[in-house]
């Protein structure tokens, strides 16, 4: 017979790593759900609403990282909540020092600006790397389908941004000038001979020239992700900087795994520290050299450490 006077001791750190976050109210928790890429079926959404209404206070919170959070869940209902969410194939996320659920924009499926399939990439990373322990701190991944970077990939530990490299076939060019008009960066201007002149150093890999060309004189000769590493938000924000260009979509998981391996090694004995802070401490060359072993055709020759985002008033 159970001892009615015996109290249960909750390990809040373990609960948090499993996606259950202590609230202010006694015995109440927020349950963070796993929504890779911010996309879910309507049926899953219905099940979440049903569970939130049954066990919570009738509302949910949509986090800035595209997850749904159930509010005011009593710890005694954890098993029931997880089981009923599972009926709708909805899983609980995680927190703590591990790879988090990746965020992503809509990608190229329906967005006219999208260059790569960010949703596919996010699902693959979630399936193969979600929850992997880092041993040091959180590790966030974000995917943007184009240089507009709506998901703010550059403030993730590893951020991927869709990119294409254009090339012009002058023989097919009809001198319409649409490419120059569409290039917001001034990377394409019309020359004296009424033919486009391309300045590669100004190109942001958006591919607008390829999209508007009526004769397909502009073609995409390379496509993939530009990769920035070392970003984070919080009390001391950093913007990640460029480490690789035109990384093939199928190499995303392998690339993240190599960044994580370097991070684990370099952060040993340093306690809670993010990837960007390690790069600043070690210098960018160390990570570049590590990544160049497996990705020699994509890792840039030089880069700078992550850049501080100044947030203090008056500075």
C-alpha atoms as a PDB file:
ATOM      1  CA  UNK A   1       0.000   0.000   0.000  1.00  0.00           C
ATOM      2  CA  UNK A   2       1.343   3.432  -0.905  1.00  0.00           C
ATOM      3  CA  UNK A   3       2.455   5.735   1.868  1.00  0.00           C
ATOM      4  CA  UNK A   4       0.065   8.689   1.788  1.00  0.00           C
ATOM      5  CA  UNK A   5       2.538  10.835   3.718  1.00  0.00           C
ATOM      6  CA  UNK A   6       5.369  10.259   1.225  1.00  0.00           C
ATOM      7  CA  UNK A   7       6.127  13.235  -1.019  1.00  0.00           C
ATOM      8  CA  UNK A   8       7.406  13.026  -4.563  1.00  0.00           C
ATOM      9  CA  UNK A   9      10.593  14.924  -5.353  1.00  0.00           C
ATOM     10  CA  UNK A  10      10.661  16.458  -8.822  1.00  0.00           C
ATOM     11  CA  UNK A  11      13.933  17.043 -10.619  1.00  0.00           C
ATOM     12  CA  UNK A  12      13.077  20.281 -12.432  1.00  0.00           C
ATOM     13  CA  UNK A  13      16.231  20.165 -14.538  1.00  0.00           C
ATOM     14  CA  UNK A  14      15.314  16.748 -15.914  1.00  0.00           C
ATOM     15  CA  UNK A  15      11.743  17.874 -16.514  1.00  0.00           C
ATOM     16  CA  UNK A  16      12.943  20.940 -18.392  1.00  0.00           C
ATOM     17  CA  UNK A  17      15.249  18.877 -20.607  1.00  0.00           C
ATOM     18  CA  UNK A  18      12.176  16.855 -21.507  1.00  0.00           C
ATOM     19  CA  UNK A  19      10.111  19.877 -22.479  1.00  0.00           C
ATOM     20  CA  UNK A  20       8.268  20.443 -19.164  1.00  0.00           C
ATOM     21  CA  UNK A  21       9.029  23.928 -17.823  1.00  0.00           C
ATOM     22  CA  UNK A  22       8.094  24.973 -14.280  1.00  0.00           C
ATOM     23  CA  UNK A  23       5.673  27.860 -14.009  1.00  0.00           C
ATOM     24  CA  UNK A  24       5.022  30.204 -11.098  1.00  0.00           C
ATOM     25  CA  UNK A  25       1.915  28.365  -9.974  1.00  0.00           C
ATOM     26  CA  UNK A  26       2.250  25.400  -7.601  1.00  0.00           C
ATOM     27  CA  UNK A  27       2.602  22.090  -9.502  1.00  0.00           C
ATOM     28  CA  UNK A  28       1.987  23.854 -12.820  1.00  0.00           C
ATOM     29  CA  UNK A  29       4.153  23.506 -15.918  1.00  0.00           C
ATOM     30  CA  UNK A  30       4.369  24.693 -19.509  1.00  0.00           C
ATOM     31  CA  UNK A  31       4.640  21.802 -21.963  1.00  0.00           C
ATOM     32  CA  UNK A  32       6.649  22.695 -25.052  1.00  0.00           C
ATOM     33  CA  UNK A  33       5.673  20.831 -28.216  1.00  0.00           C
ATOM     34  CA  UNK A  34       7.851  19.709 -31.083  1.00  0.00           C
ATOM     35  CA  UNK A  35       6.972  21.532 -34.324  1.00  0.00           C
ATOM     36  CA  UNK A  36       9.979  21.354 -36.679  1.00  0.00           C
ATOM     37  CA  UNK A  37       9.892  24.080 -39.309  1.00  0.00           C
ATOM     38  CA  UNK A  38       6.741  25.525 -37.755  1.00  0.00           C
ATOM     39  CA  UNK A  39       4.448  23.346 -39.849  1.00  0.00           C
ATOM     40  CA  UNK A  40       1.781  20.882 -38.735  1.00  0.00           C
ATOM     41  CA  UNK A  41      -1.346  19.283 -40.110  1.00  0.00           C
ATOM     42  CA  UNK A  42      -4.756  20.642 -39.237  1.00  0.00           C
ATOM     43  CA  UNK A  43      -5.542  17.332 -37.507  1.00  0.00           C
ATOM     44  CA  UNK A  44      -2.532  17.723 -35.205  1.00  0.00           C
ATOM     45  CA  UNK A  45      -3.605  21.278 -34.466  1.00  0.00           C
ATOM     46  CA  UNK A  46      -7.087  20.059 -33.524  1.00  0.00           C
ATOM     47  CA  UNK A  47      -5.629  17.479 -31.139  1.00  0.00           C
ATOM     48  CA  UNK A  48      -3.402  20.100 -29.492  1.00  0.00           C
ATOM     49  CA  UNK A  49      -6.420  22.376 -29.001  1.00  0.00           C
ATOM     50  CA  UNK A  50      -8.375  19.490 -27.491  1.00  0.00           C
ATOM     51  CA  UNK A  51      -5.608  18.610 -25.015  1.00  0.00           C
ATOM     52  CA  UNK A  52      -5.001  22.266 -24.098  1.00  0.00           C
ATOM     53  CA  UNK A  53      -8.685  22.747 -23.396  1.00  0.00           C
ATOM     54  CA  UNK A  54      -8.919  19.547 -21.327  1.00  0.00           C
ATOM     55  CA  UNK A  55      -5.790  19.859 -19.182  1.00  0.00           C
ATOM     56  CA  UNK A  56      -4.784  23.521 -19.370  1.00  0.00           C
ATOM     57  CA  UNK A  57      -6.576  26.810 -19.091  1.00  0.00           C
ATOM     58  CA  UNK A  58      -7.995  26.860 -22.593  1.00  0.00           C
ATOM     59  CA  UNK A  59      -5.193  28.694 -24.378  1.00  0.00           C
ATOM     60  CA  UNK A  60      -1.731  28.017 -25.771  1.00  0.00           C
ATOM     61  CA  UNK A  61       1.364  30.112 -26.386  1.00  0.00           C
ATOM     62  CA  UNK A  62       3.051  30.322 -29.800  1.00  0.00           C
ATOM     63  CA  UNK A  63       6.764  30.702 -29.105  1.00  0.00           C
ATOM     64  CA  UNK A  64       9.178  32.742 -31.189  1.00  0.00           C
ATOM     65  CA  UNK A  65      10.768  29.457 -32.327  1.00  0.00           C
ATOM     66  CA  UNK A  66       7.571  28.207 -33.941  1.00  0.00           C
ATOM     67  CA  UNK A  67       6.595  25.797 -31.186  1.00  0.00           C
ATOM     68  CA  UNK A  68       3.247  25.513 -29.449  1.00  0.00           C
ATOM     69  CA  UNK A  69       3.303  25.578 -25.658  1.00  0.00           C
ATOM     70  CA  UNK A  70       0.536  24.251 -23.444  1.00  0.00           C
ATOM     71  CA  UNK A  71       0.091  26.471 -20.388  1.00  0.00           C
ATOM     72  CA  UNK A  72      -0.910  25.631 -16.786  1.00  0.00           C
ATOM     73  CA  UNK A  73      -0.517  21.859 -17.034  1.00  0.00           C
ATOM     74  CA  UNK A  74      -0.510  20.079 -13.658  1.00  0.00           C
ATOM     75  CA  UNK A  75       2.410  17.670 -13.260  1.00  0.00           C
ATOM     76  CA  UNK A  76      -0.026  14.900 -12.267  1.00  0.00           C
ATOM     77  CA  UNK A  77      -1.464  15.055 -15.808  1.00  0.00           C
ATOM     78  CA  UNK A  78       1.866  14.644 -17.639  1.00  0.00           C
ATOM     79  CA  UNK A  79       1.334  11.019 -18.638  1.00  0.00           C
ATOM     80  CA  UNK A  80      -2.192  11.668 -19.881  1.00  0.00           C
ATOM     81  CA  UNK A  81      -1.139  14.779 -21.814  1.00  0.00           C
ATOM     82  CA  UNK A  82       1.732  12.986 -23.549  1.00  0.00           C
ATOM     83  CA  UNK A  83      -0.445   9.960 -24.346  1.00  0.00           C
ATOM     84  CA  UNK A  84      -3.297  11.993 -25.796  1.00  0.00           C
ATOM     85  CA  UNK A  85      -0.977  14.207 -27.821  1.00  0.00           C
ATOM     86  CA  UNK A  86       0.562  11.011 -29.168  1.00  0.00           C
ATOM     87  CA  UNK A  87      -2.832  10.020 -30.542  1.00  0.00           C
ATOM     88  CA  UNK A  88      -2.429  12.964 -32.912  1.00  0.00           C
ATOM     89  CA  UNK A  89       1.242  12.162 -33.573  1.00  0.00           C
ATOM     90  CA  UNK A  90       2.333  15.230 -31.623  1.00  0.00           C
ATOM     91  CA  UNK A  91       5.555  14.914 -29.607  1.00  0.00           C
ATOM     92  CA  UNK A  92       6.915  16.951 -26.724  1.00  0.00           C
ATOM     93  CA  UNK A  93      10.044  19.011 -27.415  1.00  0.00           C
ATOM     94  CA  UNK A  94      13.095  19.490 -25.190  1.00  0.00           C
ATOM     95  CA  UNK A  95      15.125  22.228 -23.554  1.00  0.00           C
ATOM     96  CA  UNK A  96      18.531  22.264 -21.907  1.00  0.00           C
ATOM     97  CA  UNK A  97      21.960  21.543 -23.367  1.00  0.00           C
ATOM     98  CA  UNK A  98      20.931  19.748 -26.508  1.00  0.00           C
ATOM     99  CA  UNK A  99      20.046  20.340 -30.147  1.00  0.00           C
ATOM    100  CA  UNK A 100      16.684  22.079 -30.217  1.00  0.00           C
ATOM    101  CA  UNK A 101      13.837  21.813 -32.705  1.00  0.00           C
ATOM    102  CA  UNK A 102      14.915  23.581 -35.930  1.00  0.00           C
ATOM    103  CA  UNK A 103      12.994  26.586 -37.235  1.00  0.00           C
ATOM    104  CA  UNK A 104      12.366  27.258 -40.917  1.00  0.00           C
ATOM    105  CA  UNK A 105      10.435  29.413 -43.331  1.00  0.00           C
ATOM    106  CA  UNK A 106       8.096  27.916 -45.942  1.00  0.00           C
ATOM    107  CA  UNK A 107      10.999  27.377 -48.351  1.00  0.00           C
ATOM    108  CA  UNK A 108      10.441  26.974 -52.058  1.00  0.00           C
ATOM    109  CA  UNK A 109       7.201  25.001 -51.982  1.00  0.00           C
ATOM    110  CA  UNK A 110       4.909  28.016 -52.354  1.00  0.00           C
ATOM    111  CA  UNK A 111       6.972  31.114 -51.526  1.00  0.00           C
ATOM    112  CA  UNK A 112       8.105  32.837 -54.765  1.00  0.00           C
ATOM    113  CA  UNK A 113      11.323  33.969 -53.057  1.00  0.00           C
ATOM    114  CA  UNK A 114      12.242  30.502 -51.802  1.00  0.00           C
ATOM    115  CA  UNK A 115      15.300  28.895 -53.393  1.00  0.00           C
ATOM    116  CA  UNK A 116      15.643  25.646 -51.408  1.00  0.00           C
ATOM    117  CA  UNK A 117      13.375  23.207 -49.582  1.00  0.00           C
ATOM    118  CA  UNK A 118      13.829  24.449 -46.023  1.00  0.00           C
ATOM    119  CA  UNK A 119      10.946  22.366 -44.709  1.00  0.00           C
ATOM    120  CA  UNK A 120      12.594  19.164 -45.901  1.00  0.00           C
ATOM    121  CA  UNK A 121      15.881  20.224 -44.290  1.00  0.00           C
ATOM    122  CA  UNK A 122      14.205  21.072 -40.972  1.00  0.00           C
ATOM    123  CA  UNK A 123      12.413  17.728 -40.836  1.00  0.00           C
ATOM    124  CA  UNK A 124      15.617  15.851 -41.605  1.00  0.00           C
ATOM    125  CA  UNK A 125      17.562  17.653 -38.880  1.00  0.00           C
ATOM    126  CA  UNK A 126      14.717  17.103 -36.417  1.00  0.00           C
ATOM    127  CA  UNK A 127      14.568  13.397 -37.230  1.00  0.00           C
ATOM    128  CA  UNK A 128      18.314  12.741 -37.074  1.00  0.00           C
ATOM    129  CA  UNK A 129      19.697  15.256 -34.578  1.00  0.00           C
ATOM    130  CA  UNK A 130      16.905  16.535 -32.328  1.00  0.00           C
ATOM    131  CA  UNK A 131      17.715  16.102 -28.647  1.00  0.00           C
ATOM    132  CA  UNK A 132      21.396  15.291 -29.200  1.00  0.00           C
ATOM    133  CA  UNK A 133      23.227  16.311 -26.026  1.00  0.00           C
ATOM    134  CA  UNK A 134      25.864  19.013 -26.454  1.00  0.00           C
ATOM    135  CA  UNK A 135      27.295  18.778 -22.953  1.00  0.00           C
ATOM    136  CA  UNK A 136      27.586  22.570 -22.673  1.00  0.00           C
ATOM    137  CA  UNK A 137      24.610  24.648 -23.751  1.00  0.00           C
ATOM    138  CA  UNK A 138      21.636  24.870 -26.084  1.00  0.00           C
ATOM    139  CA  UNK A 139      22.311  24.449 -29.807  1.00  0.00           C
ATOM    140  CA  UNK A 140      19.871  26.071 -32.211  1.00  0.00           C
ATOM    141  CA  UNK A 141      19.478  25.581 -35.961  1.00  0.00           C
ATOM    142  CA  UNK A 142      17.514  27.749 -38.387  1.00  0.00           C
ATOM    143  CA  UNK A 143      16.695  27.621 -42.105  1.00  0.00           C
ATOM    144  CA  UNK A 144      15.865  30.518 -44.423  1.00  0.00           C
ATOM    145  CA  UNK A 145      14.895  29.870 -48.018  1.00  0.00           C
ATOM    146  CA  UNK A 146      16.458  33.039 -49.407  1.00  0.00           C
ATOM    147  CA  UNK A 147      18.560  36.087 -48.419  1.00  0.00           C
ATOM    148  CA  UNK A 148      15.521  37.856 -46.937  1.00  0.00           C
ATOM    149  CA  UNK A 149      16.185  35.533 -43.977  1.00  0.00           C
ATOM    150  CA  UNK A 150      12.724  35.817 -42.396  1.00  0.00           C
ATOM    151  CA  UNK A 151      13.520  33.180 -39.701  1.00  0.00           C
ATOM    152  CA  UNK A 152      16.650  35.171 -38.702  1.00  0.00           C
ATOM    153  CA  UNK A 153      18.939  32.218 -39.340  1.00  0.00           C
ATOM    154  CA  UNK A 154      22.034  34.302 -38.562  1.00  0.00           C
ATOM    155  CA  UNK A 155      21.176  34.398 -34.837  1.00  0.00           C
ATOM    156  CA  UNK A 156      21.209  30.598 -34.567  1.00  0.00           C
ATOM    157  CA  UNK A 157      24.231  28.549 -33.575  1.00  0.00           C
ATOM    158  CA  UNK A 158      24.153  27.267 -37.153  1.00  0.00           C
ATOM    159  CA  UNK A 159      22.025  29.152 -39.665  1.00  0.00           C
ATOM    160  CA  UNK A 160      21.319  28.099 -43.240  1.00  0.00           C
ATOM    161  CA  UNK A 161      20.208  30.484 -45.964  1.00  0.00           C
ATOM    162  CA  UNK A 162      19.112  29.421 -49.451  1.00  0.00           C
ATOM    163  CA  UNK A 163      21.336  30.677 -52.263  1.00  0.00           C
ATOM    164  CA  UNK A 164      21.936  30.322 -55.986  1.00  0.00           C
ATOM    165  CA  UNK A 165      24.864  31.496 -58.105  1.00  0.00           C
ATOM    166  CA  UNK A 166      23.798  33.021 -61.455  1.00  0.00           C
ATOM    167  CA  UNK A 167      25.678  32.882 -64.722  1.00  0.00           C
ATOM    168  CA  UNK A 168      24.845  34.749 -67.945  1.00  0.00           C
ATOM    169  CA  UNK A 169      24.883  33.323 -71.464  1.00  0.00           C
ATOM    170  CA  UNK A 170      25.373  36.480 -73.547  1.00  0.00           C
ATOM    171  CA  UNK A 171      24.282  34.743 -76.746  1.00  0.00           C
ATOM    172  CA  UNK A 172      20.807  34.253 -75.304  1.00  0.00           C
ATOM    173  CA  UNK A 173      20.515  37.767 -73.847  1.00  0.00           C
ATOM    174  CA  UNK A 174      18.066  40.130 -75.598  1.00  0.00           C
ATOM    175  CA  UNK A 175      19.175  43.235 -73.649  1.00  0.00           C
ATOM    176  CA  UNK A 176      15.771  43.736 -72.039  1.00  0.00           C
ATOM    177  CA  UNK A 177      17.357  45.037 -68.830  1.00  0.00           C
ATOM    178  CA  UNK A 178      14.954  43.227 -66.497  1.00  0.00           C
ATOM    179  CA  UNK A 179      17.804  41.600 -64.619  1.00  0.00           C
ATOM    180  CA  UNK A 180      19.413  44.960 -63.833  1.00  0.00           C
ATOM    181  CA  UNK A 181      16.068  46.438 -62.757  1.00  0.00           C
ATOM    182  CA  UNK A 182      15.373  43.514 -60.441  1.00  0.00           C
ATOM    183  CA  UNK A 183      18.814  43.493 -58.782  1.00  0.00           C
ATOM    184  CA  UNK A 184      18.358  45.413 -55.532  1.00  0.00           C
ATOM    185  CA  UNK A 185      22.071  45.156 -54.712  1.00  0.00           C
ATOM    186  CA  UNK A 186      23.333  46.751 -57.930  1.00  0.00           C
ATOM    187  CA  UNK A 187      25.271  43.608 -58.792  1.00  0.00           C
ATOM    188  CA  UNK A 188      23.935  43.848 -62.352  1.00  0.00           C
ATOM    189  CA  UNK A 189      23.979  47.014 -64.454  1.00  0.00           C
ATOM    190  CA  UNK A 190      23.515  47.546 -68.163  1.00  0.00           C
ATOM    191  CA  UNK A 191      26.766  48.274 -69.979  1.00  0.00           C
ATOM    192  CA  UNK A 192      27.415  50.607 -72.933  1.00  0.00           C
ATOM    193  CA  UNK A 193      26.647  47.767 -75.326  1.00  0.00           C
ATOM    194  CA  UNK A 194      23.255  47.320 -73.628  1.00  0.00           C
ATOM    195  CA  UNK A 195      24.356  43.978 -72.202  1.00  0.00           C
ATOM    196  CA  UNK A 196      24.295  43.144 -68.454  1.00  0.00           C
ATOM    197  CA  UNK A 197      27.523  43.599 -66.510  1.00  0.00           C
ATOM    198  CA  UNK A 198      27.773  41.399 -63.414  1.00  0.00           C
ATOM    199  CA  UNK A 199      29.717  42.343 -60.255  1.00  0.00           C
ATOM    200  CA  UNK A 200      30.086  39.074 -58.260  1.00  0.00           C
ATOM    201  CA  UNK A 201      31.278  40.781 -55.082  1.00  0.00           C
ATOM    202  CA  UNK A 202      27.901  42.562 -54.733  1.00  0.00           C
ATOM    203  CA  UNK A 203      25.747  39.483 -55.347  1.00  0.00           C
ATOM    204  CA  UNK A 204      23.701  38.200 -52.390  1.00  0.00           C
ATOM    205  CA  UNK A 205      22.709  34.961 -54.182  1.00  0.00           C
ATOM    206  CA  UNK A 206      19.002  35.837 -54.311  1.00  0.00           C
ATOM    207  CA  UNK A 207      18.467  34.582 -57.867  1.00  0.00           C
ATOM    208  CA  UNK A 208      16.097  37.370 -58.886  1.00  0.00           C
ATOM    209  CA  UNK A 209      17.948  37.772 -62.161  1.00  0.00           C
ATOM    210  CA  UNK A 210      17.313  34.129 -63.008  1.00  0.00           C
ATOM    211  CA  UNK A 211      13.634  34.413 -62.123  1.00  0.00           C
ATOM    212  CA  UNK A 212      12.906  37.458 -64.298  1.00  0.00           C
ATOM    213  CA  UNK A 213      14.973  36.578 -67.371  1.00  0.00           C
ATOM    214  CA  UNK A 214      12.489  35.934 -70.223  1.00  0.00           C
ATOM    215  CA  UNK A 215      14.961  33.949 -72.338  1.00  0.00           C
ATOM    216  CA  UNK A 216      16.667  32.028 -69.526  1.00  0.00           C
ATOM    217  CA  UNK A 217      19.962  33.656 -70.440  1.00  0.00           C
ATOM    218  CA  UNK A 218      20.618  33.856 -66.703  1.00  0.00           C
ATOM    219  CA  UNK A 219      20.921  30.367 -65.240  1.00  0.00           C
ATOM    220  CA  UNK A 220      21.548  28.969 -61.784  1.00  0.00           C
ATOM    221  CA  UNK A 221      24.885  27.156 -61.930  1.00  0.00           C
ATOM    222  CA  UNK A 222      25.172  26.499 -58.182  1.00  0.00           C
ATOM    223  CA  UNK A 223      22.465  26.084 -55.559  1.00  0.00           C
ATOM    224  CA  UNK A 224      22.500  25.258 -51.863  1.00  0.00           C
ATOM    225  CA  UNK A 225      22.912  26.964 -48.509  1.00  0.00           C
ATOM    226  CA  UNK A 226      25.183  29.703 -47.310  1.00  0.00           C
ATOM    227  CA  UNK A 227      25.989  28.817 -43.707  1.00  0.00           C
ATOM    228  CA  UNK A 228      26.568  31.217 -40.822  1.00  0.00           C
ATOM    229  CA  UNK A 229      27.801  29.947 -37.488  1.00  0.00           C
ATOM    230  CA  UNK A 230      27.927  31.405 -33.989  1.00  0.00           C
ATOM    231  CA  UNK A 231      24.731  33.404 -33.706  1.00  0.00           C
ATOM    232  CA  UNK A 232      22.621  33.629 -30.567  1.00  0.00           C
ATOM    233  CA  UNK A 233      20.111  35.867 -28.832  1.00  0.00           C
ATOM    234  CA  UNK A 234      19.719  36.509 -25.120  1.00  0.00           C
ATOM    235  CA  UNK A 235      21.593  38.899 -22.845  1.00  0.00           C
ATOM    236  CA  UNK A 236      24.643  39.092 -25.091  1.00  0.00           C
ATOM    237  CA  UNK A 237      23.462  38.639 -28.696  1.00  0.00           C
ATOM    238  CA  UNK A 238      25.766  37.662 -31.534  1.00  0.00           C
ATOM    239  CA  UNK A 239      25.297  37.575 -35.309  1.00  0.00           C
ATOM    240  CA  UNK A 240      26.791  34.460 -36.872  1.00  0.00           C
ATOM    241  CA  UNK A 241      29.265  34.921 -39.716  1.00  0.00           C
ATOM    242  CA  UNK A 242      29.779  33.153 -43.025  1.00  0.00           C
ATOM    243  CA  UNK A 243      31.611  29.820 -42.917  1.00  0.00           C
ATOM    244  CA  UNK A 244      30.363  28.011 -46.035  1.00  0.00           C
ATOM    245  CA  UNK A 245      28.673  28.710 -49.361  1.00  0.00           C
ATOM    246  CA  UNK A 246      26.450  26.600 -51.609  1.00  0.00           C
ATOM    247  CA  UNK A 247      26.429  23.674 -49.220  1.00  0.00           C
ATOM    248  CA  UNK A 248      24.239  20.968 -50.821  1.00  0.00           C
ATOM    249  CA  UNK A 249      20.960  20.335 -49.060  1.00  0.00           C
ATOM    250  CA  UNK A 250      21.834  16.670 -48.553  1.00  0.00           C
ATOM    251  CA  UNK A 251      24.938  17.606 -46.524  1.00  0.00           C
ATOM    252  CA  UNK A 252      23.152  19.683 -43.893  1.00  0.00           C
ATOM    253  CA  UNK A 253      22.976  17.013 -41.184  1.00  0.00           C
ATOM    254  CA  UNK A 254      26.623  16.027 -41.678  1.00  0.00           C
ATOM    255  CA  UNK A 255      27.684  19.676 -41.509  1.00  0.00           C
ATOM    256  CA  UNK A 256      25.833  20.307 -38.242  1.00  0.00           C
ATOM    257  CA  UNK A 257      27.328  17.139 -36.758  1.00  0.00           C
ATOM    258  CA  UNK A 258      30.844  18.398 -37.545  1.00  0.00           C
ATOM    259  CA  UNK A 259      30.161  21.802 -35.977  1.00  0.00           C
ATOM    260  CA  UNK A 260      28.838  20.024 -32.900  1.00  0.00           C
ATOM    261  CA  UNK A 261      31.913  17.773 -32.698  1.00  0.00           C
ATOM    262  CA  UNK A 262      34.221  20.810 -32.805  1.00  0.00           C
ATOM    263  CA  UNK A 263      32.080  22.616 -30.220  1.00  0.00           C
ATOM    264  CA  UNK A 264      32.140  19.707 -27.776  1.00  0.00           C
ATOM    265  CA  UNK A 265      35.924  19.433 -28.006  1.00  0.00           C
ATOM    266  CA  UNK A 266      36.693  23.133 -27.665  1.00  0.00           C
ATOM    267  CA  UNK A 267      34.151  23.801 -24.911  1.00  0.00           C
ATOM    268  CA  UNK A 268      35.446  21.029 -22.654  1.00  0.00           C
ATOM    269  CA  UNK A 269      35.890  22.346 -19.115  1.00  0.00           C
ATOM    270  CA  UNK A 270      34.377  25.760 -19.893  1.00  0.00           C
ATOM    271  CA  UNK A 271      30.906  25.135 -18.486  1.00  0.00           C
ATOM    272  CA  UNK A 272      27.852  26.769 -20.073  1.00  0.00           C
ATOM    273  CA  UNK A 273      29.120  28.422 -23.215  1.00  0.00           C
ATOM    274  CA  UNK A 274      27.630  28.853 -26.693  1.00  0.00           C
ATOM    275  CA  UNK A 275      29.244  28.092 -30.048  1.00  0.00           C
ATOM    276  CA  UNK A 276      29.703  31.772 -30.936  1.00  0.00           C
ATOM    277  CA  UNK A 277      31.572  32.506 -27.728  1.00  0.00           C
ATOM    278  CA  UNK A 278      33.919  29.584 -28.401  1.00  0.00           C
ATOM    279  CA  UNK A 279      34.645  30.920 -31.897  1.00  0.00           C
ATOM    280  CA  UNK A 280      35.470  34.335 -30.436  1.00  0.00           C
ATOM    281  CA  UNK A 281      37.732  32.699 -27.854  1.00  0.00           C
ATOM    282  CA  UNK A 282      39.472  30.271 -30.249  1.00  0.00           C
ATOM    283  CA  UNK A 283      39.367  32.316 -33.428  1.00  0.00           C
ATOM    284  CA  UNK A 284      37.484  31.383 -36.588  1.00  0.00           C
ATOM    285  CA  UNK A 285      40.437  29.603 -38.221  1.00  0.00           C
ATOM    286  CA  UNK A 286      40.134  26.610 -35.905  1.00  0.00           C
ATOM    287  CA  UNK A 287      36.570  25.848 -36.962  1.00  0.00           C
ATOM    288  CA  UNK A 288      37.303  26.624 -40.612  1.00  0.00           C
ATOM    289  CA  UNK A 289      40.136  24.091 -40.612  1.00  0.00           C
ATOM    290  CA  UNK A 290      37.942  21.474 -38.963  1.00  0.00           C
ATOM    291  CA  UNK A 291      35.103  21.927 -41.466  1.00  0.00           C
ATOM    292  CA  UNK A 292      37.420  22.098 -44.470  1.00  0.00           C
ATOM    293  CA  UNK A 293      38.384  18.438 -43.953  1.00  0.00           C
ATOM    294  CA  UNK A 294      34.958  17.178 -45.040  1.00  0.00           C
ATOM    295  CA  UNK A 295      33.637  20.185 -46.973  1.00  0.00           C
ATOM    296  CA  UNK A 296      36.622  21.555 -48.916  1.00  0.00           C
ATOM    297  CA  UNK A 297      34.527  22.810 -51.839  1.00  0.00           C
ATOM    298  CA  UNK A 298      32.170  24.842 -49.681  1.00  0.00           C
ATOM    299  CA  UNK A 299      34.036  26.244 -46.667  1.00  0.00           C
ATOM    300  CA  UNK A 300      35.225  29.815 -47.182  1.00  0.00           C
ATOM    301  CA  UNK A 301      38.909  30.681 -47.008  1.00  0.00           C
ATOM    302  CA  UNK A 302      38.567  33.312 -44.271  1.00  0.00           C
ATOM    303  CA  UNK A 303      35.843  34.693 -42.052  1.00  0.00           C
ATOM    304  CA  UNK A 304      35.508  36.840 -38.971  1.00  0.00           C
ATOM    305  CA  UNK A 305      34.248  35.790 -35.521  1.00  0.00           C
ATOM    306  CA  UNK A 306      30.558  36.346 -34.698  1.00  0.00           C
ATOM    307  CA  UNK A 307      29.704  39.998 -34.295  1.00  0.00           C
ATOM    308  CA  UNK A 308      28.241  41.496 -31.117  1.00  0.00           C
ATOM    309  CA  UNK A 309      24.790  43.049 -31.411  1.00  0.00           C
ATOM    310  CA  UNK A 310      24.819  46.174 -29.269  1.00  0.00           C
ATOM    311  CA  UNK A 311      21.643  46.306 -27.186  1.00  0.00           C
ATOM    312  CA  UNK A 312      22.490  48.696 -24.357  1.00  0.00           C
ATOM    313  CA  UNK A 313      20.609  51.976 -24.392  1.00  0.00           C
ATOM    314  CA  UNK A 314      22.838  54.932 -25.091  1.00  0.00           C
ATOM    315  CA  UNK A 315      25.574  53.004 -26.900  1.00  0.00           C
END
